[in-house]
Amino acid sequence: MTKKQKFPYLVGSKWTATKKVDGWRHFQVVNRKNQGKWVYAEMVAACDPNVRFWLNAKLLQDGFQWQAGWQSLQEIEAVESELFRTLEPENPSDASQA
């Protein structure tokens, strides 16, 4: 029985960094590397092919660092505010008692 491949659609996918990486936000995955149980993605800046780096593909699932697709600043800010809203306690008085 073959094992299910982690991140099967990784190569060719496009990502937006919520914070600039080497001066850029928009990246594309151009390569993948499997090392044991880890999967790594080679990221290349969309506007500068000289800006490239490897990262653990699991980090792409962190919405505070990466958003799938190429997002505008307004879209990034909207997603971030939604993420922060989900982390806030429902009753602010409960947080002050903790």
PDB file of N, CA and C in Angstrom:
ATOM      1  N   MET A   1       0.850  -1.186   0.000  1.00  0.00           N
ATOM      2  CA  MET A   1       0.000   0.000   0.000  1.00  0.00           C
ATOM      3  C   MET A   1       0.891   1.244   0.000  1.00  0.00           C
ATOM      4  N   THR A   2       0.634   2.175  -0.922  1.00  0.00           N
ATOM      5  CA  THR A   2       1.449   3.379  -1.004  1.00  0.00           C
ATOM      6  C   THR A   2       0.962   4.421  -0.009  1.00  0.00           C
ATOM      7  N   LYS A   3       1.915   5.196   0.487  1.00  0.00           N
ATOM      8  CA  LYS A   3       1.579   6.248   1.437  1.00  0.00           C
ATOM      9  C   LYS A   3       1.046   7.465   0.685  1.00  0.00           C
ATOM     10  N   LYS A   4       0.104   8.153   1.293  1.00  0.00           N
ATOM     11  CA  LYS A   4      -0.434   9.375   0.710  1.00  0.00           C
ATOM     12  C   LYS A   4       0.627  10.466   0.753  1.00  0.00           C
ATOM     13  N   GLN A   5       0.848  11.138  -0.380  1.00  0.00           N
ATOM     14  CA  GLN A   5       1.871  12.186  -0.444  1.00  0.00           C
ATOM     15  C   GLN A   5       1.392  13.431   0.299  1.00  0.00           C
ATOM     16  N   LYS A   6       2.255  13.973   1.156  1.00  0.00           N
ATOM     17  CA  LYS A   6       1.941  15.224   1.843  1.00  0.00           C
ATOM     18  C   LYS A   6       2.113  16.374   0.863  1.00  0.00           C
ATOM     19  N   PHE A   7       1.225  17.327   0.893  1.00  0.00           N
ATOM     20  CA  PHE A   7       1.285  18.517   0.046  1.00  0.00           C
ATOM     21  C   PHE A   7       1.401  18.146  -1.443  1.00  0.00           C
ATOM     22  N   PRO A   8       0.427  17.414  -1.991  1.00  0.00           N
ATOM     23  CA  PRO A   8       0.553  16.950  -3.380  1.00  0.00           C
ATOM     24  C   PRO A   8       0.561  18.065  -4.423  1.00  0.00           C
ATOM     25  N   TYR A   9      -0.019  19.201  -4.137  1.00  0.00           N
ATOM     26  CA  TYR A   9      -0.100  20.293  -5.115  1.00  0.00           C
ATOM     27  C   TYR A   9       0.849  21.435  -4.788  1.00  0.00           C
ATOM     28  N   LEU A  10       1.930  21.135  -4.111  1.00  0.00           N
ATOM     29  CA  LEU A  10       2.842  22.164  -3.627  1.00  0.00           C
ATOM     30  C   LEU A  10       3.566  22.896  -4.763  1.00  0.00           C
ATOM     31  N   VAL A  11       4.194  22.155  -5.674  1.00  0.00           N
ATOM     32  CA  VAL A  11       4.973  22.782  -6.751  1.00  0.00           C
ATOM     33  C   VAL A  11       4.024  23.543  -7.673  1.00  0.00           C
ATOM     34  N   GLY A  12       4.378  24.801  -7.921  1.00  0.00           N
ATOM     35  CA  GLY A  12       3.558  25.664  -8.760  1.00  0.00           C
ATOM     36  C   GLY A  12       2.568  26.517  -7.980  1.00  0.00           C
ATOM     37  N   SER A  13       2.389  26.214  -6.686  1.00  0.00           N
ATOM     38  CA  SER A  13       1.444  27.006  -5.896  1.00  0.00           C
ATOM     39  C   SER A  13       2.013  28.391  -5.604  1.00  0.00           C
ATOM     40  N   LYS A  14       1.123  29.351  -5.421  1.00  0.00           N
ATOM     41  CA  LYS A  14       1.507  30.746  -5.186  1.00  0.00           C
ATOM     42  C   LYS A  14       1.103  31.143  -3.778  1.00  0.00           C
ATOM     43  N   TRP A  15       1.958  31.956  -3.144  1.00  0.00           N
ATOM     44  CA  TRP A  15       1.768  32.315  -1.740  1.00  0.00           C
ATOM     45  C   TRP A  15       2.102  33.778  -1.511  1.00  0.00           C
ATOM     46  N   THR A  16       1.432  34.354  -0.522  1.00  0.00           N
ATOM     47  CA  THR A  16       1.709  35.720  -0.095  1.00  0.00           C
ATOM     48  C   THR A  16       2.181  35.687   1.352  1.00  0.00           C
ATOM     49  N   ALA A  17       3.347  36.282   1.589  1.00  0.00           N
ATOM     50  CA  ALA A  17       3.865  36.403   2.951  1.00  0.00           C
ATOM     51  C   ALA A  17       3.160  37.578   3.623  1.00  0.00           C
ATOM     52  N   THR A  18       2.720  37.399   4.855  1.00  0.00           N
ATOM     53  CA  THR A  18       2.048  38.496   5.550  1.00  0.00           C
ATOM     54  C   THR A  18       3.027  39.597   5.935  1.00  0.00           C
ATOM     55  N   LYS A  19       4.298  39.234   6.080  1.00  0.00           N
ATOM     56  CA  LYS A  19       5.376  40.205   6.305  1.00  0.00           C
ATOM     57  C   LYS A  19       6.387  40.027   5.188  1.00  0.00           C
ATOM     58  N   LYS A  20       7.009  41.100   4.749  1.00  0.00           N
ATOM     59  CA  LYS A  20       7.961  41.023   3.644  1.00  0.00           C
ATOM     60  C   LYS A  20       9.122  40.083   3.976  1.00  0.00           C
ATOM     61  N   VAL A  21       9.525  39.311   2.981  1.00  0.00           N
ATOM     62  CA  VAL A  21      10.685  38.429   3.080  1.00  0.00           C
ATOM     63  C   VAL A  21      11.673  38.911   2.021  1.00  0.00           C
ATOM     64  N   ASP A  22      12.822  39.387   2.460  1.00  0.00           N
ATOM     65  CA  ASP A  22      13.830  39.959   1.550  1.00  0.00           C
ATOM     66  C   ASP A  22      13.220  41.019   0.635  1.00  0.00           C
ATOM     67  N   GLY A  23      12.286  41.783   1.181  1.00  0.00           N
ATOM     68  CA  GLY A  23      11.690  42.881   0.436  1.00  0.00           C
ATOM     69  C   GLY A  23      10.484  42.513  -0.417  1.00  0.00           C
ATOM     70  N   TRP A  24      10.057  41.265  -0.403  1.00  0.00           N
ATOM     71  CA  TRP A  24       8.957  40.817  -1.264  1.00  0.00           C
ATOM     72  C   TRP A  24       7.884  40.088  -0.458  1.00  0.00           C
ATOM     73  N   ARG A  25       6.676  40.062  -1.019  1.00  0.00           N
ATOM     74  CA  ARG A  25       5.561  39.350  -0.393  1.00  0.00           C
ATOM     75  C   ARG A  25       5.052  38.174  -1.227  1.00  0.00           C
ATOM     76  N   HIS A  26       5.168  38.262  -2.543  1.00  0.00           N
ATOM     77  CA  HIS A  26       4.584  37.242  -3.419  1.00  0.00           C
ATOM     78  C   HIS A  26       5.631  36.231  -3.867  1.00  0.00           C
ATOM     79  N   PHE A  27       5.315  34.947  -3.650  1.00  0.00           N
ATOM     80  CA  PHE A  27       6.245  33.859  -3.931  1.00  0.00           C
ATOM     81  C   PHE A  27       5.532  32.711  -4.628  1.00  0.00           C
ATOM     82  N   GLN A  28       6.342  31.913  -5.326  1.00  0.00           N
ATOM     83  CA  GLN A  28       5.838  30.705  -5.957  1.00  0.00           C
ATOM     84  C   GLN A  28       6.746  29.541  -5.572  1.00  0.00           C
ATOM     85  N   VAL A  29       6.143  28.378  -5.367  1.00  0.00           N
ATOM     86  CA  VAL A  29       6.912  27.178  -5.053  1.00  0.00           C
ATOM     87  C   VAL A  29       7.415  26.586  -6.365  1.00  0.00           C
ATOM     88  N   VAL A  30       8.740  26.457  -6.496  1.00  0.00           N
ATOM     89  CA  VAL A  30       9.314  25.940  -7.738  1.00  0.00           C
ATOM     90  C   VAL A  30       9.889  24.532  -7.574  1.00  0.00           C
ATOM     91  N   ASN A  31      10.022  24.066  -6.328  1.00  0.00           N
ATOM     92  CA  ASN A  31      10.603  22.752  -6.109  1.00  0.00           C
ATOM     93  C   ASN A  31      10.173  22.257  -4.738  1.00  0.00           C
ATOM     94  N   ARG A  32      10.220  20.965  -4.563  1.00  0.00           N
ATOM     95  CA  ARG A  32       9.940  20.376  -3.253  1.00  0.00           C
ATOM     96  C   ARG A  32      11.011  19.348  -2.945  1.00  0.00           C
ATOM     97  N   LYS A  33      11.200  19.114  -1.645  1.00  0.00           N
ATOM     98  CA  LYS A  33      12.214  18.142  -1.209  1.00  0.00           C
ATOM     99  C   LYS A  33      11.625  17.384  -0.021  1.00  0.00           C
ATOM    100  N   ASN A  34      11.658  16.080  -0.095  1.00  0.00           N
ATOM    101  CA  ASN A  34      11.221  15.241   1.019  1.00  0.00           C
ATOM    102  C   ASN A  34      12.452  14.765   1.770  1.00  0.00           C
ATOM    103  N   GLN A  35      12.471  15.026   3.070  1.00  0.00           N
ATOM    104  CA  GLN A  35      13.555  14.547   3.929  1.00  0.00           C
ATOM    105  C   GLN A  35      12.931  13.868   5.133  1.00  0.00           C
ATOM    106  N   GLY A  36      12.880  12.546   5.064  1.00  0.00           N
ATOM    107  CA  GLY A  36      12.238  11.804   6.139  1.00  0.00           C
ATOM    108  C   GLY A  36      10.769  12.170   6.205  1.00  0.00           C
ATOM    109  N   LYS A  37      10.316  12.557   7.385  1.00  0.00           N
ATOM    110  CA  LYS A  37       8.901  12.935   7.528  1.00  0.00           C
ATOM    111  C   LYS A  37       8.638  14.394   7.160  1.00  0.00           C
ATOM    112  N   TRP A  38       9.664  15.147   6.812  1.00  0.00           N
ATOM    113  CA  TRP A  38       9.515  16.575   6.505  1.00  0.00           C
ATOM    114  C   TRP A  38       9.431  16.821   5.006  1.00  0.00           C
ATOM    115  N   VAL A  39       8.647  17.825   4.644  1.00  0.00           N
ATOM    116  CA  VAL A  39       8.544  18.273   3.255  1.00  0.00           C
ATOM    117  C   VAL A  39       8.988  19.727   3.224  1.00  0.00           C
ATOM    118  N   TYR A  40       9.882  20.054   2.310  1.00  0.00           N
ATOM    119  CA  TYR A  40      10.386  21.415   2.169  1.00  0.00           C
ATOM    120  C   TYR A  40       9.975  21.975   0.820  1.00  0.00           C
ATOM    121  N   ALA A  41       9.709  23.271   0.786  1.00  0.00           N
ATOM    122  CA  ALA A  41       9.331  23.964  -0.440  1.00  0.00           C
ATOM    123  C   ALA A  41      10.385  25.007  -0.770  1.00  0.00           C
ATOM    124  N   GLU A  42      10.786  25.045  -2.038  1.00  0.00           N
ATOM    125  CA  GLU A  42      11.689  26.102  -2.484  1.00  0.00           C
ATOM    126  C   GLU A  42      10.833  27.249  -3.005  1.00  0.00           C
ATOM    127  N   MET A  43      10.953  28.382  -2.346  1.00  0.00           N
ATOM    128  CA  MET A  43      10.156  29.564  -2.666  1.00  0.00           C
ATOM    129  C   MET A  43      10.998  30.527  -3.499  1.00  0.00           C
ATOM    130  N   VAL A  44      10.377  31.134  -4.522  1.00  0.00           N
ATOM    131  CA  VAL A  44      11.039  32.134  -5.357  1.00  0.00           C
ATOM    132  C   VAL A  44      10.127  33.351  -5.426  1.00  0.00           C
ATOM    133  N   ALA A  45      10.703  34.528  -5.203  1.00  0.00           N
ATOM    134  CA  ALA A  45       9.925  35.765  -5.281  1.00  0.00           C
ATOM    135  C   ALA A  45       9.395  35.950  -6.705  1.00  0.00           C
ATOM    136  N   ALA A  46       8.154  36.360  -6.822  1.00  0.00           N
ATOM    137  CA  ALA A  46       7.530  36.514  -8.136  1.00  0.00           C
ATOM    138  C   ALA A  46       8.216  37.586  -8.976  1.00  0.00           C
ATOM    139  N   CYS A  47       8.699  38.634  -8.348  1.00  0.00           N
ATOM    140  CA  CYS A  47       9.288  39.757  -9.086  1.00  0.00           C
ATOM    141  C   CYS A  47      10.811  39.731  -9.138  1.00  0.00           C
ATOM    142  N   ASP A  48      11.432  38.804  -8.425  1.00  0.00           N
ATOM    143  CA  ASP A  48      12.894  38.736  -8.411  1.00  0.00           C
ATOM    144  C   ASP A  48      13.336  37.284  -8.260  1.00  0.00           C
ATOM    145  N   PRO A  49      13.652  36.606  -9.367  1.00  0.00           N
ATOM    146  CA  PRO A  49      14.025  35.189  -9.293  1.00  0.00           C
ATOM    147  C   PRO A  49      15.319  34.925  -8.527  1.00  0.00           C
ATOM    148  N   ASN A  50      16.070  35.976  -8.195  1.00  0.00           N
ATOM    149  CA  ASN A  50      17.277  35.799  -7.390  1.00  0.00           C
ATOM    150  C   ASN A  50      16.958  35.625  -5.905  1.00  0.00           C
ATOM    151  N   VAL A  51      15.749  35.991  -5.503  1.00  0.00           N
ATOM    152  CA  VAL A  51      15.329  35.825  -4.105  1.00  0.00           C
ATOM    153  C   VAL A  51      14.659  34.464  -3.995  1.00  0.00           C
ATOM    154  N   ARG A  52      15.371  33.517  -3.381  1.00  0.00           N
ATOM    155  CA  ARG A  52      14.837  32.165  -3.223  1.00  0.00           C
ATOM    156  C   ARG A  52      15.315  31.583  -1.909  1.00  0.00           C
ATOM    157  N   PHE A  53      14.509  30.724  -1.343  1.00  0.00           N
ATOM    158  CA  PHE A  53      14.849  30.090  -0.061  1.00  0.00           C
ATOM    159  C   PHE A  53      13.995  28.832   0.101  1.00  0.00           C
ATOM    160  N   TRP A  54      14.451  27.967   0.980  1.00  0.00           N
ATOM    161  CA  TRP A  54      13.717  26.750   1.325  1.00  0.00           C
ATOM    162  C   TRP A  54      13.036  26.957   2.674  1.00  0.00           C
ATOM    163  N   LEU A  55      11.828  26.416   2.813  1.00  0.00           N
ATOM    164  CA  LEU A  55      11.167  26.431   4.114  1.00  0.00           C
ATOM    165  C   LEU A  55      10.372  25.155   4.293  1.00  0.00           C
ATOM    166  N   ASN A  56      10.130  24.828   5.549  1.00  0.00           N
ATOM    167  CA  ASN A  56       9.303  23.663   5.858  1.00  0.00           C
ATOM    168  C   ASN A  56       7.892  23.953   5.349  1.00  0.00           C
ATOM    169  N   ALA A  57       7.361  23.090   4.493  1.00  0.00           N
ATOM    170  CA  ALA A  57       6.055  23.318   3.876  1.00  0.00           C
ATOM    171  C   ALA A  57       4.942  23.439   4.916  1.00  0.00           C
ATOM    172  N   LYS A  58       5.143  22.867   6.077  1.00  0.00           N
ATOM    173  CA  LYS A  58       4.143  22.965   7.150  1.00  0.00           C
ATOM    174  C   LYS A  58       3.909  24.426   7.553  1.00  0.00           C
ATOM    175  N   LEU A  59       4.938  25.265   7.416  1.00  0.00           N
ATOM    176  CA  LEU A  59       4.796  26.682   7.769  1.00  0.00           C
ATOM    177  C   LEU A  59       3.795  27.393   6.870  1.00  0.00           C
ATOM    178  N   LEU A  60       3.567  26.877   5.663  1.00  0.00           N
ATOM    179  CA  LEU A  60       2.612  27.506   4.755  1.00  0.00           C
ATOM    180  C   LEU A  60       1.178  27.396   5.272  1.00  0.00           C
ATOM    181  N   GLN A  61       0.954  26.515   6.234  1.00  0.00           N
ATOM    182  CA  GLN A  61      -0.375  26.370   6.826  1.00  0.00           C
ATOM    183  C   GLN A  61      -0.635  27.385   7.933  1.00  0.00           C
ATOM    184  N   ASP A  62       0.379  28.142   8.304  1.00  0.00           N
ATOM    185  CA  ASP A  62       0.245  29.162   9.348  1.00  0.00           C
ATOM    186  C   ASP A  62      -0.294  30.446   8.731  1.00  0.00           C
ATOM    187  N   GLY A  63      -1.555  30.732   8.965  1.00  0.00           N
ATOM    188  CA  GLY A  63      -2.210  31.898   8.386  1.00  0.00           C
ATOM    189  C   GLY A  63      -1.637  33.226   8.842  1.00  0.00           C
ATOM    190  N   PHE A  64      -0.883  33.229   9.941  1.00  0.00           N
ATOM    191  CA  PHE A  64      -0.258  34.465  10.394  1.00  0.00           C
ATOM    192  C   PHE A  64       1.001  34.789   9.598  1.00  0.00           C
ATOM    193  N   GLN A  65       1.556  33.786   8.903  1.00  0.00           N
ATOM    194  CA  GLN A  65       2.774  34.001   8.119  1.00  0.00           C
ATOM    195  C   GLN A  65       2.528  33.966   6.618  1.00  0.00           C
ATOM    196  N   TRP A  66       1.616  33.076   6.164  1.00  0.00           N
ATOM    197  CA  TRP A  66       1.420  32.867   4.732  1.00  0.00           C
ATOM    198  C   TRP A  66      -0.060  32.769   4.395  1.00  0.00           C
ATOM    199  N   GLN A  67      -0.410  33.305   3.211  1.00  0.00           N
ATOM    200  CA  GLN A  67      -1.762  33.179   2.664  1.00  0.00           C
ATOM    201  C   GLN A  67      -1.648  32.538   1.289  1.00  0.00           C
ATOM    202  N   ALA A  68      -2.538  31.605   0.999  1.00  0.00           N
ATOM    203  CA  ALA A  68      -2.520  30.947  -0.303  1.00  0.00           C
ATOM    204  C   ALA A  68      -2.919  31.941  -1.395  1.00  0.00           C
ATOM    205  N   GLY A  69      -2.245  31.864  -2.523  1.00  0.00           N
ATOM    206  CA  GLY A  69      -2.509  32.776  -3.636  1.00  0.00           C
ATOM    207  C   GLY A  69      -1.768  34.080  -3.440  1.00  0.00           C
ATOM    208  N   TRP A  70      -1.913  34.951  -4.428  1.00  0.00           N
ATOM    209  CA  TRP A  70      -1.287  36.265  -4.330  1.00  0.00           C
ATOM    210  C   TRP A  70      -2.351  37.248  -3.878  1.00  0.00           C
ATOM    211  N   GLN A  71      -2.165  37.782  -2.684  1.00  0.00           N
ATOM    212  CA  GLN A  71      -3.141  38.659  -2.044  1.00  0.00           C
ATOM    213  C   GLN A  71      -2.658  40.106  -2.066  1.00  0.00           C
ATOM    214  N   SER A  72      -3.618  41.031  -2.110  1.00  0.00           N
ATOM    215  CA  SER A  72      -3.281  42.450  -1.985  1.00  0.00           C
ATOM    216  C   SER A  72      -3.099  42.778  -0.504  1.00  0.00           C
ATOM    217  N   LEU A  73      -2.519  43.941  -0.216  1.00  0.00           N
ATOM    218  CA  LEU A  73      -2.347  44.350   1.188  1.00  0.00           C
ATOM    219  C   LEU A  73      -3.686  44.421   1.904  1.00  0.00           C
ATOM    220  N   GLN A  74      -4.719  44.902   1.226  1.00  0.00           N
ATOM    221  CA  GLN A  74      -6.042  44.992   1.838  1.00  0.00           C
ATOM    222  C   GLN A  74      -6.580  43.601   2.192  1.00  0.00           C
ATOM    223  N   GLU A  75      -6.351  42.634   1.305  1.00  0.00           N
ATOM    224  CA  GLU A  75      -6.809  41.275   1.584  1.00  0.00           C
ATOM    225  C   GLU A  75      -6.034  40.662   2.748  1.00  0.00           C
ATOM    226  N   ILE A  76      -4.730  40.930   2.823  1.00  0.00           N
ATOM    227  CA  ILE A  76      -3.915  40.430   3.931  1.00  0.00           C
ATOM    228  C   ILE A  76      -4.416  41.012   5.246  1.00  0.00           C
ATOM    229  N   GLU A  77      -4.667  42.313   5.270  1.00  0.00           N
ATOM    230  CA  GLU A  77      -5.133  42.972   6.497  1.00  0.00           C
ATOM    231  C   GLU A  77      -6.494  42.430   6.921  1.00  0.00           C
ATOM    232  N   ALA A  78      -7.375  42.169   5.972  1.00  0.00           N
ATOM    233  CA  ALA A  78      -8.696  41.625   6.294  1.00  0.00           C
ATOM    234  C   ALA A  78      -8.579  40.229   6.897  1.00  0.00           C
ATOM    235  N   VAL A  79      -7.725  39.402   6.329  1.00  0.00           N
ATOM    236  CA  VAL A  79      -7.528  38.042   6.841  1.00  0.00           C
ATOM    237  C   VAL A  79      -6.893  38.096   8.220  1.00  0.00           C
ATOM    238  N   GLU A  80      -5.887  38.970   8.411  1.00  0.00           N
ATOM    239  CA  GLU A  80      -5.224  39.075   9.717  1.00  0.00           C
ATOM    240  C   GLU A  80      -6.208  39.520  10.790  1.00  0.00           C
ATOM    241  N   SER A  81      -7.050  40.501  10.476  1.00  0.00           N
ATOM    242  CA  SER A  81      -8.007  40.970  11.485  1.00  0.00           C
ATOM    243  C   SER A  81      -8.991  39.861  11.838  1.00  0.00           C
ATOM    244  N   GLU A  82      -9.363  39.038  10.858  1.00  0.00           N
ATOM    245  CA  GLU A  82     -10.252  37.908  11.125  1.00  0.00           C
ATOM    246  C   GLU A  82      -9.547  36.864  11.993  1.00  0.00           C
ATOM    247  N   LEU A  83      -8.273  36.592  11.715  1.00  0.00           N
ATOM    248  CA  LEU A  83      -7.522  35.633  12.530  1.00  0.00           C
ATOM    249  C   LEU A  83      -7.391  36.119  13.967  1.00  0.00           C
ATOM    250  N   PHE A  84      -7.084  37.407  14.146  1.00  0.00           N
ATOM    251  CA  PHE A  84      -6.955  37.953  15.496  1.00  0.00           C
ATOM    252  C   PHE A  84      -8.302  37.922  16.223  1.00  0.00           C
ATOM    253  N   ARG A  85      -9.378  38.163  15.497  1.00  0.00           N
ATOM    254  CA  ARG A  85     -10.707  38.162  16.106  1.00  0.00           C
ATOM    255  C   ARG A  85     -11.034  36.772  16.650  1.00  0.00           C
ATOM    256  N   THR A  86     -10.612  35.719  15.945  1.00  0.00           N
ATOM    257  CA  THR A  86     -10.901  34.358  16.413  1.00  0.00           C
ATOM    258  C   THR A  86     -10.086  33.997  17.648  1.00  0.00           C
ATOM    259  N   LEU A  87      -8.974  34.703  17.889  1.00  0.00           N
ATOM    260  CA  LEU A  87      -8.139  34.411  19.058  1.00  0.00           C
ATOM    261  C   LEU A  87      -8.543  35.202  20.292  1.00  0.00           C
ATOM    262  N   GLU A  88      -9.328  36.248  20.109  1.00  0.00           N
ATOM    263  CA  GLU A  88      -9.739  37.064  21.250  1.00  0.00           C
ATOM    264  C   GLU A  88     -10.746  36.304  22.101  1.00  0.00           C
ATOM    265  N   PRO A  89     -10.668  36.478  23.417  1.00  0.00           N
ATOM    266  CA  PRO A  89     -11.683  35.821  24.277  1.00  0.00           C
ATOM    267  C   PRO A  89     -13.048  36.429  24.001  1.00  0.00           C
ATOM    268  N   GLU A  90     -14.083  35.592  24.107  1.00  0.00           N
ATOM    269  CA  GLU A  90     -15.442  36.060  23.809  1.00  0.00           C
ATOM    270  C   GLU A  90     -15.920  37.076  24.847  1.00  0.00           C
ATOM    271  N   ASN A  91     -15.525  36.899  26.092  1.00  0.00           N
ATOM    272  CA  ASN A  91     -15.930  37.818  27.135  1.00  0.00           C
ATOM    273  C   ASN A  91     -14.673  38.490  27.677  1.00  0.00           C
ATOM    274  N   PRO A  92     -14.433  39.772  27.347  1.00  0.00           N
ATOM    275  CA  PRO A  92     -13.194  40.442  27.788  1.00  0.00           C
ATOM    276  C   PRO A  92     -12.985  40.422  29.296  1.00  0.00           C
ATOM    277  N   SER A  93     -14.061  40.381  30.090  1.00  0.00           N
ATOM    278  CA  SER A  93     -13.890  40.360  31.541  1.00  0.00           C
ATOM    279  C   SER A  93     -13.264  39.059  32.007  1.00  0.00           C
ATOM    280  N   ASP A  94     -13.482  37.963  31.247  1.00  0.00           N
ATOM    281  CA  ASP A  94     -12.860  36.678  31.592  1.00  0.00           C
ATOM    282  C   ASP A  94     -11.349  36.746  31.460  1.00  0.00           C
ATOM    283  N   ALA A  95     -10.851  37.472  30.454  1.00  0.00           N
ATOM    284  CA  ALA A  95      -9.410  37.569  30.208  1.00  0.00           C
ATOM    285  C   ALA A  95      -8.712  38.318  31.331  1.00  0.00           C
ATOM    286  N   SER A  96      -9.376  39.311  31.906  1.00  0.00           N
ATOM    287  CA  SER A  96      -8.731  40.089  32.967  1.00  0.00           C
ATOM    288  C   SER A  96      -8.651  39.292  34.273  1.00  0.00           C
ATOM    289  N   GLN A  97      -9.499  38.287  34.438  1.00  0.00           N
ATOM    290  CA  GLN A  97      -9.495  37.482  35.652  1.00  0.00           C
ATOM    291  C   GLN A  97      -8.473  36.357  35.594  1.00  0.00           C
ATOM    292  N   ALA A  98      -7.953  36.076  34.407  1.00  0.00           N
ATOM    293  CA  ALA A  98      -7.027  34.939  34.251  1.00  0.00           C
ATOM    294  C   ALA A  98      -5.672  35.220  34.840  1.00  0.00           C
TER     295      ALA A  98
END
